[in-house]
Amino acid sequence: MKYRVLYDTQIAGKFLAKDEVLDFKNGTDEGFIARLLANKVIEKASLKQEPKATQKQEAPIENQEEIKQDAKETKNNTKSYK
């Protein structure tokens, strides 16, 4: 089975870069692989490359003005206790 490396690391004496694909030899200790998976050093490689990082999505431009106006109204309607 193939695994993808999640960060730059050294595994079994070999230096591997982030996102590199690793294929263990037959007979590799299954407990060793399980520990790497549990510690989030590697993950099972998928055939599709899925985007891991998502960017913050902003409201459409026409909605941003409406949101700002609502925020101002809410601020004006909130009582401050001192």
Protein backbone atom coordinates (compact mmCIF):
# COMPACT_ATOMS: atom_id res chain seq x y z
CA MET A 1 0.00 0.00 0.00
CA LYS A 2 1.14 3.55 -0.69
CA TYR A 3 1.23 6.32 1.88
CA ARG A 4 1.63 10.09 1.60
CA VAL A 5 4.05 11.86 3.95
CA LEU A 6 2.36 14.74 5.82
CA TYR A 7 5.52 16.69 6.69
CA ASP A 8 9.28 16.57 6.09
CA THR A 9 10.58 13.67 8.13
CA GLN A 10 12.89 10.68 8.27
CA ILE A 11 11.32 7.23 8.08
CA ALA A 12 13.37 4.03 8.24
CA GLY A 13 16.59 5.96 7.64
CA LYS A 14 15.27 7.73 4.55
CA PHE A 15 14.61 11.48 4.43
CA LEU A 16 11.23 12.26 2.89
CA ALA A 17 9.66 15.57 1.90
CA LYS A 18 6.09 16.62 2.56
CA ASP A 19 3.57 15.11 0.08
CA GLU A 20 6.06 12.48 -1.09
CA VAL A 21 4.54 9.03 -1.71
CA LEU A 22 6.05 6.15 0.23
CA ASP A 23 5.61 2.46 -0.53
CA PHE A 24 6.74 0.13 2.27
CA LYS A 25 8.45 -3.14 1.40
CA ASN A 26 6.58 -6.40 1.97
CA GLY A 27 7.17 -7.60 5.50
CA THR A 28 7.40 -4.12 7.03
CA ASP A 29 6.22 -4.23 10.64
CA GLU A 30 2.50 -3.42 10.61
CA GLY A 31 2.79 -1.92 14.10
CA PHE A 32 5.38 0.55 12.78
CA ILE A 33 3.04 1.63 9.99
CA ALA A 34 0.11 1.85 12.45
CA ARG A 35 2.15 4.15 14.75
CA LEU A 36 3.05 6.41 11.82
CA LEU A 37 -0.63 6.60 10.88
CA ALA A 38 -1.73 7.25 14.48
CA ASN A 39 0.89 9.99 14.94
CA LYS A 40 -0.24 11.58 11.66
CA VAL A 41 3.17 11.27 10.03
CA ILE A 42 1.66 9.49 7.02
CA GLU A 43 -1.77 8.85 5.54
CA LYS A 44 -3.04 6.39 2.98
CA ALA A 45 -2.44 7.78 -0.49
CA SER A 46 -5.56 8.26 -2.56
CA LEU A 47 -5.72 8.13 -6.33
CA LYS A 48 -7.23 11.63 -6.46
CA GLN A 49 -5.40 14.64 -5.10
CA GLU A 50 -7.87 16.41 -2.82
CA PRO A 51 -7.21 20.00 -1.78
CA LYS A 52 -6.34 20.00 1.92
CA ALA A 53 -6.32 23.73 2.63
CA THR A 54 -9.40 25.79 2.06
CA GLN A 55 -9.31 29.52 1.81
CA LYS A 56 -11.61 31.73 3.81
CA GLN A 57 -14.62 32.56 1.70
CA GLU A 58 -15.98 36.08 1.75
CA ALA A 59 -19.53 37.11 1.09
CA PRO A 60 -20.23 38.35 -2.43
CA ILE A 61 -19.47 42.05 -2.87
CA GLU A 62 -23.12 43.06 -3.03
CA ASN A 63 -23.74 41.34 0.33
CA GLN A 64 -20.75 42.89 2.09
CA GLU A 65 -22.34 46.34 2.26
CA GLU A 66 -25.54 44.83 3.62
CA ILE A 67 -23.57 42.93 6.27
CA LYS A 68 -21.70 46.09 7.31
CA GLN A 69 -24.99 47.99 7.61
CA ASP A 70 -26.50 45.22 9.75
CA ALA A 71 -23.46 45.28 12.01
CA LYS A 72 -23.76 49.05 12.49
CA GLU A 73 -27.47 48.76 13.29
CA THR A 74 -26.83 45.98 15.77
CA LYS A 75 -24.10 48.02 17.45
CA ASN A 76 -26.43 51.04 17.72
CA ASN A 77 -29.26 48.92 19.15
CA THR A 78 -27.11 47.23 21.81
CA LYS A 79 -27.23 48.84 25.24
CA SER A 80 -24.01 49.29 27.12
CA TYR A 81 -24.13 48.86 30.89
CA LYS A 82 -21.45 50.60 32.89
